[in-house]
Amino acid sequence: MIEIVPYREGWPAEFAALGAALRGALGERAVAIHHIGSTSVPGLAAKDVIDIQVTVADLGDSIDSALASIGYVPKEGVIGDHCPPGMELPTRDLEKRLFGRLERRVHLHVREAGRFNQRYPLFCRDYLRTHPLAASAYAEIKRQLARYFPEDVEAYYDVKDPVFDVLMAGAEEWAFRVEWQPPATDA
């Protein structure tokens, strides 16, 4: 069931604990560990799911056993992100691995350094952090979608993803204008 909840002040602390455990398990194999997604944007309503991005030098490097040691399991069948409409990207720029946890709902996205999909969630997060009106509009879209499609995950994302891509078209321009650079690791 899809449920959008008001922002929770405890989400950053939850990420900090999860990020520290990931850093301990992965060490230098994790080029960077970032809190991404709606729970990383202060004040933004979200699903109560902590999204984390682990950036690796090579997506082919095996980190499964290290992640399993701290409770992460691979989500089979998820091998990439969607391509925003109107863009033509090499498949390699959208490849990822996705892991989850049993104890606490977490989406752990493992992406390769320098790829489009590794950069995208970071500038999206930073854009929403600096543009509260865009963040509020995005929250309202999610609330309404959850109201209309509370049990239809496919319909929820079929609408949410393109709406988010519209927001992020503005974010791309913002990132270029401010000469945005990927931030240092969060953990």
C-alpha atoms as a PDB file:
ATOM      1  CA  MET A   1       0.000   0.000   0.000  1.00  0.00           C
ATOM      2  CA  ILE A   2       1.280   3.448  -0.901  1.00  0.00           C
ATOM      3  CA  GLU A   3       1.107   5.920   1.952  1.00  0.00           C
ATOM      4  CA  ILE A   4       2.595   9.416   1.916  1.00  0.00           C
ATOM      5  CA  VAL A   5       3.386  10.722   5.396  1.00  0.00           C
ATOM      6  CA  PRO A   6       4.454  14.170   6.600  1.00  0.00           C
ATOM      7  CA  TYR A   7       8.191  14.771   6.828  1.00  0.00           C
ATOM      8  CA  ARG A   8       9.759  13.068   9.845  1.00  0.00           C
ATOM      9  CA  GLU A   9      12.575  14.810  11.685  1.00  0.00           C
ATOM     10  CA  GLY A  10      14.146  11.406  12.438  1.00  0.00           C
ATOM     11  CA  TRP A  11      14.824  10.451   8.817  1.00  0.00           C
ATOM     12  CA  PRO A  12      18.290  12.085   8.649  1.00  0.00           C
ATOM     13  CA  ALA A  13      19.363  10.270  11.829  1.00  0.00           C
ATOM     14  CA  GLU A  14      18.071   6.978  10.446  1.00  0.00           C
ATOM     15  CA  PHE A  15      20.073   7.574   7.276  1.00  0.00           C
ATOM     16  CA  ALA A  16      23.178   8.428   9.342  1.00  0.00           C
ATOM     17  CA  ALA A  17      23.002   5.075  11.148  1.00  0.00           C
ATOM     18  CA  LEU A  18      22.348   3.164   7.927  1.00  0.00           C
ATOM     19  CA  GLY A  19      25.095   5.082   6.121  1.00  0.00           C
ATOM     20  CA  ALA A  20      27.627   4.354   8.887  1.00  0.00           C
ATOM     21  CA  ALA A  21      26.812   0.638   8.714  1.00  0.00           C
ATOM     22  CA  LEU A  22      27.193   0.693   4.926  1.00  0.00           C
ATOM     23  CA  ARG A  23      30.526   2.503   5.186  1.00  0.00           C
ATOM     24  CA  GLY A  24      31.705  -0.067   7.726  1.00  0.00           C
ATOM     25  CA  ALA A  25      30.687  -2.995   5.530  1.00  0.00           C
ATOM     26  CA  LEU A  26      31.824  -1.586   2.182  1.00  0.00           C
ATOM     27  CA  GLY A  27      34.817   0.547   3.122  1.00  0.00           C
ATOM     28  CA  GLU A  28      36.485   2.105   0.108  1.00  0.00           C
ATOM     29  CA  ARG A  29      34.432   0.002  -2.308  1.00  0.00           C
ATOM     30  CA  ALA A  30      31.795   2.683  -1.757  1.00  0.00           C
ATOM     31  CA  VAL A  31      33.104   5.760  -3.562  1.00  0.00           C
ATOM     32  CA  ALA A  32      30.245   7.693  -1.940  1.00  0.00           C
ATOM     33  CA  ILE A  33      27.126   7.034   0.125  1.00  0.00           C
ATOM     34  CA  HIS A  34      24.291   9.571  -0.152  1.00  0.00           C
ATOM     35  CA  HIS A  35      20.863  10.052   1.361  1.00  0.00           C
ATOM     36  CA  ILE A  36      18.602  10.571  -1.666  1.00  0.00           C
ATOM     37  CA  GLY A  37      14.906  10.617  -2.413  1.00  0.00           C
ATOM     38  CA  SER A  38      12.133  12.468  -0.667  1.00  0.00           C
ATOM     39  CA  THR A  39      13.218  11.584   2.879  1.00  0.00           C
ATOM     40  CA  SER A  40      16.448  13.501   2.205  1.00  0.00           C
ATOM     41  CA  VAL A  41      14.609  16.784   1.570  1.00  0.00           C
ATOM     42  CA  PRO A  42      13.686  18.619   4.800  1.00  0.00           C
ATOM     43  CA  GLY A  43       9.959  19.264   5.010  1.00  0.00           C
ATOM     44  CA  LEU A  44       9.007  17.028   2.056  1.00  0.00           C
ATOM     45  CA  ALA A  45       6.183  14.519   2.552  1.00  0.00           C
ATOM     46  CA  ALA A  46       7.235  11.035   1.497  1.00  0.00           C
ATOM     47  CA  LYS A  47       6.727   7.324   1.723  1.00  0.00           C
ATOM     48  CA  ASP A  48       8.430   6.126   4.913  1.00  0.00           C
ATOM     49  CA  VAL A  49      11.260   4.558   2.926  1.00  0.00           C
ATOM     50  CA  ILE A  50      14.868   5.692   3.268  1.00  0.00           C
ATOM     51  CA  ASP A  51      16.501   5.888  -0.168  1.00  0.00           C
ATOM     52  CA  ILE A  52      20.276   5.540  -0.200  1.00  0.00           C
ATOM     53  CA  GLN A  53      22.642   5.691  -3.132  1.00  0.00           C
ATOM     54  CA  VAL A  54      25.937   3.846  -2.964  1.00  0.00           C
ATOM     55  CA  THR A  55      28.283   4.936  -5.714  1.00  0.00           C
ATOM     56  CA  VAL A  56      30.827   2.351  -6.825  1.00  0.00           C
ATOM     57  CA  ALA A  57      33.707   2.570  -9.279  1.00  0.00           C
ATOM     58  CA  ASP A  58      32.464  -0.467 -11.219  1.00  0.00           C
ATOM     59  CA  LEU A  59      28.939  -1.874 -11.068  1.00  0.00           C
ATOM     60  CA  GLY A  60      30.388  -5.312 -11.830  1.00  0.00           C
ATOM     61  CA  ASP A  61      32.291  -5.458  -8.529  1.00  0.00           C
ATOM     62  CA  SER A  62      30.642  -7.891  -6.147  1.00  0.00           C
ATOM     63  CA  ILE A  63      29.424  -6.269  -2.957  1.00  0.00           C
ATOM     64  CA  ASP A  64      26.520  -8.647  -2.296  1.00  0.00           C
ATOM     65  CA  SER A  65      28.133 -10.552   0.591  1.00  0.00           C
ATOM     66  CA  ALA A  66      29.183  -7.329   2.334  1.00  0.00           C
ATOM     67  CA  LEU A  67      25.639  -5.968   1.986  1.00  0.00           C
ATOM     68  CA  ALA A  68      24.101  -9.280   3.100  1.00  0.00           C
ATOM     69  CA  SER A  69      26.215  -9.127   6.265  1.00  0.00           C
ATOM     70  CA  ILE A  70      24.274  -6.023   7.340  1.00  0.00           C
ATOM     71  CA  GLY A  71      20.829  -7.167   6.223  1.00  0.00           C
ATOM     72  CA  TYR A  72      20.494  -6.116   2.577  1.00  0.00           C
ATOM     73  CA  VAL A  73      19.029  -8.432  -0.047  1.00  0.00           C
ATOM     74  CA  PRO A  74      19.071  -7.872  -3.813  1.00  0.00           C
ATOM     75  CA  LYS A  75      15.824  -6.980  -5.560  1.00  0.00           C
ATOM     76  CA  GLU A  76      15.913  -9.378  -8.476  1.00  0.00           C
ATOM     77  CA  GLY A  77      14.905  -8.077 -11.878  1.00  0.00           C
ATOM     78  CA  VAL A  78      15.743  -4.413 -11.210  1.00  0.00           C
ATOM     79  CA  ILE A  79      18.676  -3.642 -13.471  1.00  0.00           C
ATOM     80  CA  GLY A  80      18.196  -0.004 -14.389  1.00  0.00           C
ATOM     81  CA  ASP A  81      16.393   3.287 -14.056  1.00  0.00           C
ATOM     82  CA  HIS A  82      13.877   4.719 -16.498  1.00  0.00           C
ATOM     83  CA  CYS A  83      15.080   7.144 -19.143  1.00  0.00           C
ATOM     84  CA  PRO A  84      13.443  10.575 -18.860  1.00  0.00           C
ATOM     85  CA  PRO A  85      11.188  11.235 -21.879  1.00  0.00           C
ATOM     86  CA  GLY A  86      12.931  13.049 -24.700  1.00  0.00           C
ATOM     87  CA  MET A  87      16.410  11.925 -23.671  1.00  0.00           C
ATOM     88  CA  GLU A  88      18.487   9.365 -25.472  1.00  0.00           C
ATOM     89  CA  LEU A  89      20.958   7.739 -23.124  1.00  0.00           C
ATOM     90  CA  PRO A  90      23.192   4.715 -23.470  1.00  0.00           C
ATOM     91  CA  THR A  91      21.867   1.734 -21.497  1.00  0.00           C
ATOM     92  CA  ARG A  92      25.036   1.842 -19.382  1.00  0.00           C
ATOM     93  CA  ASP A  93      24.054   5.298 -18.054  1.00  0.00           C
ATOM     94  CA  LEU A  94      20.849   3.822 -16.570  1.00  0.00           C
ATOM     95  CA  GLU A  95      22.186   0.547 -15.112  1.00  0.00           C
ATOM     96  CA  LYS A  96      21.924  -0.054 -11.372  1.00  0.00           C
ATOM     97  CA  ARG A  97      21.445  -2.677  -8.710  1.00  0.00           C
ATOM     98  CA  LEU A  98      18.725  -2.377  -6.085  1.00  0.00           C
ATOM     99  CA  PHE A  99      18.729  -3.844  -2.579  1.00  0.00           C
ATOM    100  CA  GLY A 100      16.223  -3.790   0.257  1.00  0.00           C
ATOM    101  CA  ARG A 101      16.152  -4.595   3.961  1.00  0.00           C
ATOM    102  CA  LEU A 102      13.791  -6.670   6.033  1.00  0.00           C
ATOM    103  CA  GLU A 103      14.045  -4.721   9.326  1.00  0.00           C
ATOM    104  CA  ARG A 104      13.527  -1.172   8.009  1.00  0.00           C
ATOM    105  CA  ARG A 105      12.166  -0.217   4.582  1.00  0.00           C
ATOM    106  CA  VAL A 106      15.181   0.961   2.628  1.00  0.00           C
ATOM    107  CA  HIS A 107      15.808   1.224  -1.087  1.00  0.00           C
ATOM    108  CA  LEU A 108      19.548   0.921  -1.632  1.00  0.00           C
ATOM    109  CA  HIS A 109      20.455   2.006  -5.164  1.00  0.00           C
ATOM    110  CA  VAL A 110      23.945   0.981  -6.283  1.00  0.00           C
ATOM    111  CA  ARG A 111      25.102   3.030  -9.254  1.00  0.00           C
ATOM    112  CA  GLU A 112      28.383   3.550 -11.045  1.00  0.00           C
ATOM    113  CA  ALA A 113      30.354   6.768 -10.623  1.00  0.00           C
ATOM    114  CA  GLY A 114      29.994   9.288 -13.442  1.00  0.00           C
ATOM    115  CA  ARG A 115      26.857   7.819 -14.991  1.00  0.00           C
ATOM    116  CA  PHE A 116      23.715   9.876 -15.675  1.00  0.00           C
ATOM    117  CA  ASN A 117      21.657   7.927 -13.151  1.00  0.00           C
ATOM    118  CA  GLN A 118      24.295   8.404 -10.450  1.00  0.00           C
ATOM    119  CA  ARG A 119      24.209  12.187 -10.880  1.00  0.00           C
ATOM    120  CA  TYR A 120      20.428  12.564 -11.396  1.00  0.00           C
ATOM    121  CA  PRO A 121      19.161  11.765  -7.859  1.00  0.00           C
ATOM    122  CA  LEU A 122      21.807  14.013  -6.315  1.00  0.00           C
ATOM    123  CA  PHE A 123      20.996  17.165  -8.255  1.00  0.00           C
ATOM    124  CA  CYS A 124      17.279  16.366  -7.916  1.00  0.00           C
ATOM    125  CA  ARG A 125      17.678  16.245  -4.145  1.00  0.00           C
ATOM    126  CA  ASP A 126      19.721  19.440  -4.067  1.00  0.00           C
ATOM    127  CA  TYR A 127      17.248  21.220  -6.364  1.00  0.00           C
ATOM    128  CA  LEU A 128      14.287  20.291  -4.158  1.00  0.00           C
ATOM    129  CA  ARG A 129      16.216  21.360  -1.059  1.00  0.00           C
ATOM    130  CA  THR A 130      16.724  24.834  -2.544  1.00  0.00           C
ATOM    131  CA  HIS A 131      13.298  25.202  -4.214  1.00  0.00           C
ATOM    132  CA  PRO A 132      10.569  24.776  -1.581  1.00  0.00           C
ATOM    133  CA  LEU A 133       7.719  25.603  -3.985  1.00  0.00           C
ATOM    134  CA  ALA A 134       8.779  22.808  -6.324  1.00  0.00           C
ATOM    135  CA  ALA A 135       9.130  20.465  -3.334  1.00  0.00           C
ATOM    136  CA  SER A 136       5.631  21.381  -2.104  1.00  0.00           C
ATOM    137  CA  ALA A 137       4.111  20.797  -5.547  1.00  0.00           C
ATOM    138  CA  TYR A 138       5.881  17.445  -5.788  1.00  0.00           C
ATOM    139  CA  ALA A 139       4.598  16.451  -2.331  1.00  0.00           C
ATOM    140  CA  GLU A 140       1.041  17.302  -3.380  1.00  0.00           C
ATOM    141  CA  ILE A 141       1.353  15.196  -6.543  1.00  0.00           C
ATOM    142  CA  LYS A 142       2.499  12.242  -4.432  1.00  0.00           C
ATOM    143  CA  ARG A 143      -0.298  12.699  -1.893  1.00  0.00           C
ATOM    144  CA  GLN A 144      -2.943  12.793  -4.625  1.00  0.00           C
ATOM    145  CA  LEU A 145      -1.493   9.801  -6.454  1.00  0.00           C
ATOM    146  CA  ALA A 146      -1.442   7.811  -3.212  1.00  0.00           C
ATOM    147  CA  ARG A 147      -5.073   8.813  -2.625  1.00  0.00           C
ATOM    148  CA  TYR A 148      -6.178   7.671  -6.092  1.00  0.00           C
ATOM    149  CA  PHE A 149      -3.865   4.638  -6.419  1.00  0.00           C
ATOM    150  CA  PRO A 150      -3.153   3.442  -2.855  1.00  0.00           C
ATOM    151  CA  GLU A 151      -2.718  -0.179  -3.911  1.00  0.00           C
ATOM    152  CA  ASP A 152      -1.600   0.225  -7.520  1.00  0.00           C
ATOM    153  CA  VAL A 153       2.164   0.765  -7.404  1.00  0.00           C
ATOM    154  CA  GLU A 154       2.455   0.569 -11.185  1.00  0.00           C
ATOM    155  CA  ALA A 155      -0.122   3.335 -11.763  1.00  0.00           C
ATOM    156  CA  TYR A 156       1.457   5.468  -9.018  1.00  0.00           C
ATOM    157  CA  TYR A 157       4.880   5.376 -10.700  1.00  0.00           C
ATOM    158  CA  ASP A 158       3.481   5.571 -14.250  1.00  0.00           C
ATOM    159  CA  VAL A 159       2.233   9.064 -13.360  1.00  0.00           C
ATOM    160  CA  LYS A 160       4.765  10.151 -10.717  1.00  0.00           C
ATOM    161  CA  ASP A 161       7.891   9.469 -12.778  1.00  0.00           C
ATOM    162  CA  PRO A 162       6.961  11.697 -15.769  1.00  0.00           C
ATOM    163  CA  VAL A 163       5.748  14.455 -13.424  1.00  0.00           C
ATOM    164  CA  PHE A 164       9.060  14.260 -11.592  1.00  0.00           C
ATOM    165  CA  ASP A 165      10.882  14.400 -14.930  1.00  0.00           C
ATOM    166  CA  VAL A 166       9.054  17.676 -15.710  1.00  0.00           C
ATOM    167  CA  LEU A 167      10.288  19.117 -12.400  1.00  0.00           C
ATOM    168  CA  MET A 168      13.773  17.878 -13.103  1.00  0.00           C
ATOM    169  CA  ALA A 169      13.925  19.538 -16.508  1.00  0.00           C
ATOM    170  CA  GLY A 170      13.990  22.775 -14.503  1.00  0.00           C
ATOM    171  CA  ALA A 171      16.498  21.230 -12.143  1.00  0.00           C
ATOM    172  CA  GLU A 172      18.829  20.473 -15.064  1.00  0.00           C
ATOM    173  CA  GLU A 173      18.784  24.152 -16.038  1.00  0.00           C
ATOM    174  CA  TRP A 174      19.332  25.162 -12.397  1.00  0.00           C
ATOM    175  CA  ALA A 175      22.275  22.741 -12.075  1.00  0.00           C
ATOM    176  CA  PHE A 176      23.888  24.188 -15.192  1.00  0.00           C
ATOM    177  CA  ARG A 177      23.275  27.799 -14.105  1.00  0.00           C
ATOM    178  CA  VAL A 178      24.743  27.350 -10.612  1.00  0.00           C
ATOM    179  CA  GLU A 179      27.535  25.076 -11.866  1.00  0.00           C
ATOM    180  CA  TRP A 180      26.320  22.336  -9.545  1.00  0.00           C
ATOM    181  CA  GLN A 181      28.798  19.591  -8.756  1.00  0.00           C
ATOM    182  CA  PRO A 182      28.093  16.233  -7.104  1.00  0.00           C
ATOM    183  CA  PRO A 183      28.440  16.645  -3.348  1.00  0.00           C
ATOM    184  CA  ALA A 184      30.946  14.830  -1.159  1.00  0.00           C
ATOM    185  CA  THR A 185      29.778  11.624   0.432  1.00  0.00           C
ATOM    186  CA  ASP A 186      27.187  11.796   3.235  1.00  0.00           C
ATOM    187  CA  ALA A 187      28.594   8.779   5.069  1.00  0.00           C
END
